[in-house]
């Protein structure tokens, strides 16, 4: 194998390790997922496929926040109104 081939392989291995590390971090964060909506405290069932696909998760460095669809839409509406008032 040429030096260029080894260099490319090392680069690919490094990128692969980075991707694996990111995935492991996200999977670990899933364990920190709350059991209720942060705003209205509506119960969240992790085994309910509809809830899992429709609820919103916001992840920061160490915090995981969970919002039900009505609370999320309300928050988005408030942000939109704020931005319109700020610009207009």
PDB file of N, CA and C in Angstrom:
ATOM      1  N   UNK A   1       0.850  -1.171   0.000  1.00  0.00           N
ATOM      2  CA  UNK A   1       0.000   0.000   0.000  1.00  0.00           C
ATOM      3  C   UNK A   1       0.896   1.234   0.000  1.00  0.00           C
ATOM      4  N   UNK A   2       0.528   2.179  -0.793  1.00  0.00           N
ATOM      5  CA  UNK A   2       1.329   3.397  -0.883  1.00  0.00           C
ATOM      6  C   UNK A   2       1.053   4.303   0.308  1.00  0.00           C
ATOM      7  N   UNK A   3       1.902   5.306   0.467  1.00  0.00           N
ATOM      8  CA  UNK A   3       1.724   6.233   1.582  1.00  0.00           C
ATOM      9  C   UNK A   3       0.415   7.002   1.436  1.00  0.00           C
ATOM     10  N   UNK A   4       0.008   7.289   0.204  1.00  0.00           N
ATOM     11  CA  UNK A   4      -1.260   7.983  -0.019  1.00  0.00           C
ATOM     12  C   UNK A   4      -2.422   7.088   0.407  1.00  0.00           C
ATOM     13  N   UNK A   5      -2.328   5.809   0.080  1.00  0.00           N
ATOM     14  CA  UNK A   5      -3.372   4.856   0.474  1.00  0.00           C
ATOM     15  C   UNK A   5      -3.484   4.754   1.985  1.00  0.00           C
ATOM     16  N   UNK A   6      -2.353   4.701   2.685  1.00  0.00           N
ATOM     17  CA  UNK A   6      -2.358   4.640   4.154  1.00  0.00           C
ATOM     18  C   UNK A   6      -2.941   5.921   4.741  1.00  0.00           C
ATOM     19  N   UNK A   7      -2.588   7.051   4.139  1.00  0.00           N
ATOM     20  CA  UNK A   7      -3.084   8.338   4.620  1.00  0.00           C
ATOM     21  C   UNK A   7      -4.613   8.399   4.491  1.00  0.00           C
ATOM     22  N   UNK A   8      -5.135   7.949   3.347  1.00  0.00           N
ATOM     23  CA  UNK A   8      -6.584   7.946   3.147  1.00  0.00           C
ATOM     24  C   UNK A   8      -7.278   7.007   4.132  1.00  0.00           C
ATOM     25  N   UNK A   9      -6.685   5.837   4.365  1.00  0.00           N
ATOM     26  CA  UNK A   9      -7.270   4.869   5.296  1.00  0.00           C
ATOM     27  C   UNK A   9      -7.288   5.435   6.716  1.00  0.00           C
ATOM     28  N   UNK A  10      -6.223   6.098   7.141  1.00  0.00           N
ATOM     29  CA  UNK A  10      -6.190   6.709   8.478  1.00  0.00           C
ATOM     30  C   UNK A  10      -7.269   7.772   8.605  1.00  0.00           C
ATOM     31  N   UNK A  11      -7.434   8.553   7.548  1.00  0.00           N
ATOM     32  CA  UNK A  11      -8.450   9.611   7.564  1.00  0.00           C
ATOM     33  C   UNK A  11      -9.850   9.002   7.669  1.00  0.00           C
ATOM     34  N   UNK A  12     -10.107   7.953   6.916  1.00  0.00           N
ATOM     35  CA  UNK A  12     -11.405   7.287   6.973  1.00  0.00           C
ATOM     36  C   UNK A  12     -11.647   6.678   8.350  1.00  0.00           C
ATOM     37  N   UNK A  13     -10.634   6.068   8.924  1.00  0.00           N
ATOM     38  CA  UNK A  13     -10.759   5.475  10.260  1.00  0.00           C
ATOM     39  C   UNK A  13     -11.062   6.545  11.300  1.00  0.00           C
ATOM     40  N   UNK A  14     -10.398   7.689  11.188  1.00  0.00           N
ATOM     41  CA  UNK A  14     -10.609   8.781  12.131  1.00  0.00           C
ATOM     42  C   UNK A  14     -12.042   9.298  12.038  1.00  0.00           C
ATOM     43  N   UNK A  15     -12.544   9.484  10.811  1.00  0.00           N
ATOM     44  CA  UNK A  15     -13.914   9.954  10.611  1.00  0.00           C
ATOM     45  C   UNK A  15     -14.916   8.938  11.137  1.00  0.00           C
ATOM     46  N   UNK A  16     -14.625   7.679  10.939  1.00  0.00           N
ATOM     47  CA  UNK A  16     -15.502   6.608  11.428  1.00  0.00           C
ATOM     48  C   UNK A  16     -15.570   6.614  12.954  1.00  0.00           C
ATOM     49  N   UNK A  17     -14.439   6.796  13.604  1.00  0.00           N
ATOM     50  CA  UNK A  17     -14.421   6.843  15.080  1.00  0.00           C
ATOM     51  C   UNK A  17     -15.205   8.041  15.599  1.00  0.00           C
ATOM     52  N   UNK A  18     -15.099   9.189  14.905  1.00  0.00           N
ATOM     53  CA  UNK A  18     -15.851  10.382  15.298  1.00  0.00           C
ATOM     54  C   UNK A  18     -17.352  10.126  15.197  1.00  0.00           C
ATOM     55  N   UNK A  19     -17.780   9.514  14.098  1.00  0.00           N
ATOM     56  CA  UNK A  19     -19.206   9.234  13.893  1.00  0.00           C
ATOM     57  C   UNK A  19     -19.715   8.262  14.957  1.00  0.00           C
ATOM     58  N   UNK A  20     -18.918   7.244  15.288  1.00  0.00           N
ATOM     59  CA  UNK A  20     -19.316   6.280  16.315  1.00  0.00           C
ATOM     60  C   UNK A  20     -19.440   6.957  17.679  1.00  0.00           C
ATOM     61  N   UNK A  21     -18.536   7.872  17.975  1.00  0.00           N
ATOM     62  CA  UNK A  21     -18.568   8.587  19.248  1.00  0.00           C
ATOM     63  C   UNK A  21     -19.815   9.463  19.348  1.00  0.00           C
ATOM     64  N   UNK A  22     -20.153  10.170  18.255  1.00  0.00           N
ATOM     65  CA  UNK A  22     -21.356  11.005  18.242  1.00  0.00           C
ATOM     66  C   UNK A  22     -22.602  10.158  18.464  1.00  0.00           C
ATOM     67  N   UNK A  23     -22.675   9.022  17.782  1.00  0.00           N
ATOM     68  CA  UNK A  23     -23.821   8.135  17.914  1.00  0.00           C
ATOM     69  C   UNK A  23     -23.934   7.609  19.343  1.00  0.00           C
ATOM     70  N   UNK A  24     -22.834   7.217  19.937  1.00  0.00           N
ATOM     71  CA  UNK A  24     -22.843   6.719  21.311  1.00  0.00           C
ATOM     72  C   UNK A  24     -23.322   7.794  22.276  1.00  0.00           C
ATOM     73  N   UNK A  25     -22.915   9.023  22.051  1.00  0.00           N
ATOM     74  CA  UNK A  25     -23.347  10.137  22.899  1.00  0.00           C
ATOM     75  C   UNK A  25     -24.850  10.348  22.786  1.00  0.00           C
ATOM     76  N   UNK A  26     -25.381  10.298  21.574  1.00  0.00           N
ATOM     77  CA  UNK A  26     -26.818  10.494  21.374  1.00  0.00           C
ATOM     78  C   UNK A  26     -27.616   9.351  21.993  1.00  0.00           C
ATOM     79  N   UNK A  27     -27.121   8.143  21.893  1.00  0.00           N
ATOM     80  CA  UNK A  27     -27.816   7.008  22.499  1.00  0.00           C
ATOM     81  C   UNK A  27     -27.812   7.142  24.018  1.00  0.00           C
ATOM     82  N   UNK A  28     -26.717   7.591  24.581  1.00  0.00           N
ATOM     83  CA  UNK A  28     -26.647   7.796  26.033  1.00  0.00           C
ATOM     84  C   UNK A  28     -27.611   8.899  26.459  1.00  0.00           C
ATOM     85  N   UNK A  29     -27.773   9.940  25.643  1.00  0.00           N
ATOM     86  CA  UNK A  29     -28.696  11.024  25.948  1.00  0.00           C
ATOM     87  C   UNK A  29     -30.139  10.526  25.945  1.00  0.00           C
ATOM     88  N   UNK A  30     -30.459   9.517  25.121  1.00  0.00           N
ATOM     89  CA  UNK A  30     -31.819   8.980  25.075  1.00  0.00           C
ATOM     90  C   UNK A  30     -32.217   8.419  26.435  1.00  0.00           C
ATOM     91  N   UNK A  31     -31.266   7.902  27.175  1.00  0.00           N
ATOM     92  CA  UNK A  31     -31.554   7.397  28.515  1.00  0.00           C
ATOM     93  C   UNK A  31     -31.947   8.511  29.475  1.00  0.00           C
ATOM     94  N   UNK A  32     -31.567   9.749  29.161  1.00  0.00           N
ATOM     95  CA  UNK A  32     -31.899  10.895  30.012  1.00  0.00           C
ATOM     96  C   UNK A  32     -33.230  11.533  29.615  1.00  0.00           C
ATOM     97  N   UNK A  33     -33.929  10.949  28.637  1.00  0.00           N
ATOM     98  CA  UNK A  33     -35.181  11.510  28.147  1.00  0.00           C
ATOM     99  C   UNK A  33     -36.213  11.564  29.274  1.00  0.00           C
ATOM    100  N   UNK A  34     -36.823  12.725  29.503  1.00  0.00           N
ATOM    101  CA  UNK A  34     -37.814  12.865  30.571  1.00  0.00           C
ATOM    102  C   UNK A  34     -39.060  12.019  30.306  1.00  0.00           C
ATOM    103  N   UNK A  35     -39.898  11.868  31.328  1.00  0.00           N
ATOM    104  CA  UNK A  35     -41.119  11.082  31.211  1.00  0.00           C
ATOM    105  C   UNK A  35     -42.353  11.946  31.009  1.00  0.00           C
ATOM    106  N   UNK A  36     -42.145  13.261  30.862  1.00  0.00           N
ATOM    107  CA  UNK A  36     -43.282  14.161  30.699  1.00  0.00           C
ATOM    108  C   UNK A  36     -42.871  15.409  29.935  1.00  0.00           C
ATOM    109  N   UNK A  37     -43.874  16.105  29.420  1.00  0.00           N
ATOM    110  CA  UNK A  37     -43.647  17.366  28.712  1.00  0.00           C
ATOM    111  C   UNK A  37     -43.104  18.398  29.704  1.00  0.00           C
ATOM    112  N   UNK A  38     -42.117  19.136  29.310  1.00  0.00           N
ATOM    113  CA  UNK A  38     -41.507  20.130  30.179  1.00  0.00           C
ATOM    114  C   UNK A  38     -42.480  21.250  30.542  1.00  0.00           C
ATOM    115  N   UNK A  39     -43.388  21.585  29.629  1.00  0.00           N
ATOM    116  CA  UNK A  39     -44.297  22.701  29.837  1.00  0.00           C
ATOM    117  C   UNK A  39     -45.570  22.308  30.587  1.00  0.00           C
ATOM    118  N   UNK A  40     -46.312  21.332  30.058  1.00  0.00           N
ATOM    119  CA  UNK A  40     -47.619  20.993  30.635  1.00  0.00           C
ATOM    120  C   UNK A  40     -47.592  19.741  31.507  1.00  0.00           C
ATOM    121  N   UNK A  41     -46.458  19.074  31.556  1.00  0.00           N
ATOM    122  CA  UNK A  41     -46.253  17.871  32.363  1.00  0.00           C
ATOM    123  C   UNK A  41     -47.147  16.696  31.950  1.00  0.00           C
ATOM    124  N   UNK A  42     -47.551  16.685  30.672  1.00  0.00           N
ATOM    125  CA  UNK A  42     -48.309  15.558  30.137  1.00  0.00           C
ATOM    126  C   UNK A  42     -47.382  14.342  30.082  1.00  0.00           C
ATOM    127  N   UNK A  43     -47.893  13.181  30.480  1.00  0.00           N
ATOM    128  CA  UNK A  43     -47.104  11.945  30.549  1.00  0.00           C
ATOM    129  C   UNK A  43     -46.654  11.514  29.148  1.00  0.00           C
ATOM    130  N   UNK A  44     -45.411  11.046  29.043  1.00  0.00           N
ATOM    131  CA  UNK A  44     -44.832  10.568  27.785  1.00  0.00           C
ATOM    132  C   UNK A  44     -44.555   9.083  27.916  1.00  0.00           C
ATOM    133  N   UNK A  45     -45.083   8.293  26.973  1.00  0.00           N
ATOM    134  CA  UNK A  45     -44.882   6.847  26.967  1.00  0.00           C
ATOM    135  C   UNK A  45     -43.857   6.502  25.889  1.00  0.00           C
ATOM    136  N   UNK A  46     -42.681   6.064  26.299  1.00  0.00           N
ATOM    137  CA  UNK A  46     -41.597   5.759  25.361  1.00  0.00           C
ATOM    138  C   UNK A  46     -41.926   4.567  24.467  1.00  0.00           C
ATOM    139  N   UNK A  47     -42.901   3.758  24.852  1.00  0.00           N
ATOM    140  CA  UNK A  47     -43.257   2.575  24.069  1.00  0.00           C
ATOM    141  C   UNK A  47     -44.367   2.852  23.059  1.00  0.00           C
ATOM    142  N   UNK A  48     -44.968   4.029  23.119  1.00  0.00           N
ATOM    143  CA  UNK A  48     -46.041   4.412  22.200  1.00  0.00           C
ATOM    144  C   UNK A  48     -45.410   5.022  20.953  1.00  0.00           C
ATOM    145  N   UNK A  49     -45.541   4.321  19.827  1.00  0.00           N
ATOM    146  CA  UNK A  49     -44.889   4.755  18.594  1.00  0.00           C
ATOM    147  C   UNK A  49     -45.377   6.141  18.141  1.00  0.00           C
ATOM    148  N   UNK A  50     -46.662   6.408  18.302  1.00  0.00           N
ATOM    149  CA  UNK A  50     -47.204   7.710  17.899  1.00  0.00           C
ATOM    150  C   UNK A  50     -46.564   8.838  18.704  1.00  0.00           C
ATOM    151  N   UNK A  51     -46.430   8.640  20.015  1.00  0.00           N
ATOM    152  CA  UNK A  51     -45.802   9.664  20.859  1.00  0.00           C
ATOM    153  C   UNK A  51     -44.337   9.851  20.495  1.00  0.00           C
ATOM    154  N   UNK A  52     -43.661   8.756  20.280  1.00  0.00           N
ATOM    155  CA  UNK A  52     -42.228   8.828  19.969  1.00  0.00           C
ATOM    156  C   UNK A  52     -41.984   9.601  18.679  1.00  0.00           C
ATOM    157  N   UNK A  53     -42.876   9.449  17.711  1.00  0.00           N
ATOM    158  CA  UNK A  53     -42.666  10.115  16.426  1.00  0.00           C
ATOM    159  C   UNK A  53     -43.233  11.532  16.374  1.00  0.00           C
ATOM    160  N   UNK A  54     -44.138  11.895  17.287  1.00  0.00           N
ATOM    161  CA  UNK A  54     -44.765  13.214  17.198  1.00  0.00           C
ATOM    162  C   UNK A  54     -44.258  14.224  18.227  1.00  0.00           C
ATOM    163  N   UNK A  55     -43.678  13.775  19.321  1.00  0.00           N
ATOM    164  CA  UNK A  55     -43.180  14.701  20.341  1.00  0.00           C
ATOM    165  C   UNK A  55     -41.835  15.265  19.916  1.00  0.00           C
ATOM    166  N   UNK A  56     -41.451  16.393  20.505  1.00  0.00           N
ATOM    167  CA  UNK A  56     -40.226  17.100  20.126  1.00  0.00           C
ATOM    168  C   UNK A  56     -39.191  17.019  21.235  1.00  0.00           C
ATOM    169  N   UNK A  57     -37.982  16.707  20.845  1.00  0.00           N
ATOM    170  CA  UNK A  57     -36.862  16.604  21.779  1.00  0.00           C
ATOM    171  C   UNK A  57     -35.865  17.695  21.435  1.00  0.00           C
ATOM    172  N   UNK A  58     -35.464  18.456  22.455  1.00  0.00           N
ATOM    173  CA  UNK A  58     -34.455  19.494  22.278  1.00  0.00           C
ATOM    174  C   UNK A  58     -33.262  19.096  23.131  1.00  0.00           C
ATOM    175  N   UNK A  59     -32.132  18.934  22.490  1.00  0.00           N
ATOM    176  CA  UNK A  59     -30.933  18.467  23.183  1.00  0.00           C
ATOM    177  C   UNK A  59     -29.873  19.555  23.169  1.00  0.00           C
ATOM    178  N   UNK A  60     -29.384  19.886  24.353  1.00  0.00           N
ATOM    179  CA  UNK A  60     -28.247  20.790  24.455  1.00  0.00           C
ATOM    180  C   UNK A  60     -27.071  19.961  24.968  1.00  0.00           C
ATOM    181  N   UNK A  61     -26.038  20.590  25.400  1.00  0.00           N
ATOM    182  CA  UNK A  61     -24.831  19.867  25.818  1.00  0.00           C
ATOM    183  C   UNK A  61     -25.134  18.763  26.839  1.00  0.00           C
ATOM    184  N   UNK A  62     -25.869  19.085  27.884  1.00  0.00           N
ATOM    185  CA  UNK A  62     -26.139  18.083  28.916  1.00  0.00           C
ATOM    186  C   UNK A  62     -27.617  17.911  29.223  1.00  0.00           C
ATOM    187  N   UNK A  63     -28.463  18.773  28.684  1.00  0.00           N
ATOM    188  CA  UNK A  63     -29.887  18.726  28.974  1.00  0.00           C
ATOM    189  C   UNK A  63     -30.673  18.144  27.815  1.00  0.00           C
ATOM    190  N   UNK A  64     -31.707  17.386  28.157  1.00  0.00           N
ATOM    191  CA  UNK A  64     -32.634  16.875  27.170  1.00  0.00           C
ATOM    192  C   UNK A  64     -34.015  17.342  27.597  1.00  0.00           C
ATOM    193  N   UNK A  65     -34.682  18.065  26.707  1.00  0.00           N
ATOM    194  CA  UNK A  65     -36.012  18.587  27.022  1.00  0.00           C
ATOM    195  C   UNK A  65     -37.021  17.962  26.078  1.00  0.00           C
ATOM    196  N   UNK A  66     -38.214  17.710  26.591  1.00  0.00           N
ATOM    197  CA  UNK A  66     -39.257  17.030  25.832  1.00  0.00           C
ATOM    198  C   UNK A  66     -40.510  17.889  25.812  1.00  0.00           C
ATOM    199  N   UNK A  67     -41.105  18.046  24.627  1.00  0.00           N
ATOM    200  CA  UNK A  67     -42.304  18.864  24.476  1.00  0.00           C
ATOM    201  C   UNK A  67     -43.365  18.094  23.699  1.00  0.00           C
ATOM    202  N   UNK A  68     -44.620  18.170  24.151  1.00  0.00           N
ATOM    203  CA  UNK A  68     -45.730  17.573  23.406  1.00  0.00           C
ATOM    204  C   UNK A  68     -46.058  18.478  22.218  1.00  0.00           C
ATOM    205  N   UNK A  69     -46.741  17.957  21.199  1.00  0.00           N
ATOM    206  CA  UNK A  69     -47.033  18.779  20.005  1.00  0.00           C
ATOM    207  C   UNK A  69     -47.779  20.084  20.295  1.00  0.00           C
ATOM    208  N   UNK A  70     -48.839  20.101  21.136  1.00  0.00           N
ATOM    209  CA  UNK A  70     -49.507  21.398  21.377  1.00  0.00           C
ATOM    210  C   UNK A  70     -48.583  22.440  22.027  1.00  0.00           C
ATOM    211  N   UNK A  71     -47.770  22.034  22.980  1.00  0.00           N
ATOM    212  CA  UNK A  71     -46.849  22.970  23.632  1.00  0.00           C
ATOM    213  C   UNK A  71     -45.796  23.452  22.641  1.00  0.00           C
ATOM    214  N   UNK A  72     -45.299  22.563  21.793  1.00  0.00           N
ATOM    215  CA  UNK A  72     -44.297  22.921  20.803  1.00  0.00           C
ATOM    216  C   UNK A  72     -44.864  23.948  19.822  1.00  0.00           C
ATOM    217  N   UNK A  73     -46.090  23.698  19.334  1.00  0.00           N
ATOM    218  CA  UNK A  73     -46.711  24.624  18.391  1.00  0.00           C
ATOM    219  C   UNK A  73     -46.950  25.986  19.039  1.00  0.00           C
ATOM    220  N   UNK A  74     -47.369  25.978  20.304  1.00  0.00           N
ATOM    221  CA  UNK A  74     -47.566  27.238  21.020  1.00  0.00           C
ATOM    222  C   UNK A  74     -46.270  28.021  21.155  1.00  0.00           C
ATOM    223  N   UNK A  75     -45.205  27.328  21.460  1.00  0.00           N
ATOM    224  CA  UNK A  75     -43.898  27.984  21.597  1.00  0.00           C
ATOM    225  C   UNK A  75     -43.435  28.532  20.250  1.00  0.00           C
ATOM    226  N   UNK A  76     -43.637  27.772  19.180  1.00  0.00           N
ATOM    227  CA  UNK A  76     -43.240  28.228  17.853  1.00  0.00           C
ATOM    228  C   UNK A  76     -44.040  29.475  17.457  1.00  0.00           C
ATOM    229  N   UNK A  77     -45.321  29.493  17.807  1.00  0.00           N
ATOM    230  CA  UNK A  77     -46.164  30.646  17.506  1.00  0.00           C
ATOM    231  C   UNK A  77     -45.665  31.890  18.257  1.00  0.00           C
ATOM    232  N   UNK A  78     -45.312  31.718  19.533  1.00  0.00           N
ATOM    233  CA  UNK A  78     -44.796  32.833  20.318  1.00  0.00           C
ATOM    234  C   UNK A  78     -43.492  33.378  19.735  1.00  0.00           C
ATOM    235  N   UNK A  79     -42.623  32.490  19.327  1.00  0.00           N
ATOM    236  CA  UNK A  79     -41.344  32.913  18.740  1.00  0.00           C
ATOM    237  C   UNK A  79     -41.601  33.671  17.442  1.00  0.00           C
ATOM    238  N   UNK A  80     -42.520  33.164  16.622  1.00  0.00           N
ATOM    239  CA  UNK A  80     -42.831  33.829  15.359  1.00  0.00           C
ATOM    240  C   UNK A  80     -43.394  35.232  15.604  1.00  0.00           C
ATOM    241  N   UNK A  81     -44.320  35.350  16.566  1.00  0.00           N
ATOM    242  CA  UNK A  81     -44.891  36.650  16.894  1.00  0.00           C
ATOM    243  C   UNK A  81     -43.821  37.605  17.410  1.00  0.00           C
ATOM    244  N   UNK A  82     -42.931  37.100  18.245  1.00  0.00           N
ATOM    245  CA  UNK A  82     -41.852  37.918  18.785  1.00  0.00           C
ATOM    246  C   UNK A  82     -40.955  38.442  17.667  1.00  0.00           C
ATOM    247  N   UNK A  83     -40.608  37.578  16.749  1.00  0.00           N
ATOM    248  CA  UNK A  83     -39.725  37.975  15.643  1.00  0.00           C
ATOM    249  C   UNK A  83     -40.421  38.997  14.740  1.00  0.00           C
ATOM    250  N   UNK A  84     -41.723  38.822  14.509  1.00  0.00           N
ATOM    251  CA  UNK A  84     -42.451  39.784  13.681  1.00  0.00           C
ATOM    252  C   UNK A  84     -42.514  41.146  14.357  1.00  0.00           C
ATOM    253  N   UNK A  85     -42.758  41.152  15.676  1.00  0.00           N
ATOM    254  CA  UNK A  85     -42.824  42.415  16.412  1.00  0.00           C
ATOM    255  C   UNK A  85     -41.450  43.087  16.504  1.00  0.00           C
ATOM    256  N   UNK A  86     -40.425  42.278  16.612  1.00  0.00           N
ATOM    257  CA  UNK A  86     -39.074  42.803  16.712  1.00  0.00           C
ATOM    258  C   UNK A  86     -38.656  43.461  15.396  1.00  0.00           C
ATOM    259  N   UNK A  87     -39.020  42.829  14.289  1.00  0.00           N
ATOM    260  CA  UNK A  87     -38.634  43.334  12.966  1.00  0.00           C
ATOM    261  C   UNK A  87     -39.599  44.385  12.430  1.00  0.00           C
ATOM    262  N   UNK A  88     -40.809  44.411  12.938  1.00  0.00           N
ATOM    263  CA  UNK A  88     -41.805  45.291  12.340  1.00  0.00           C
ATOM    264  C   UNK A  88     -42.104  46.433  13.188  1.00  0.00           C
TER     265      UNK A  88
END
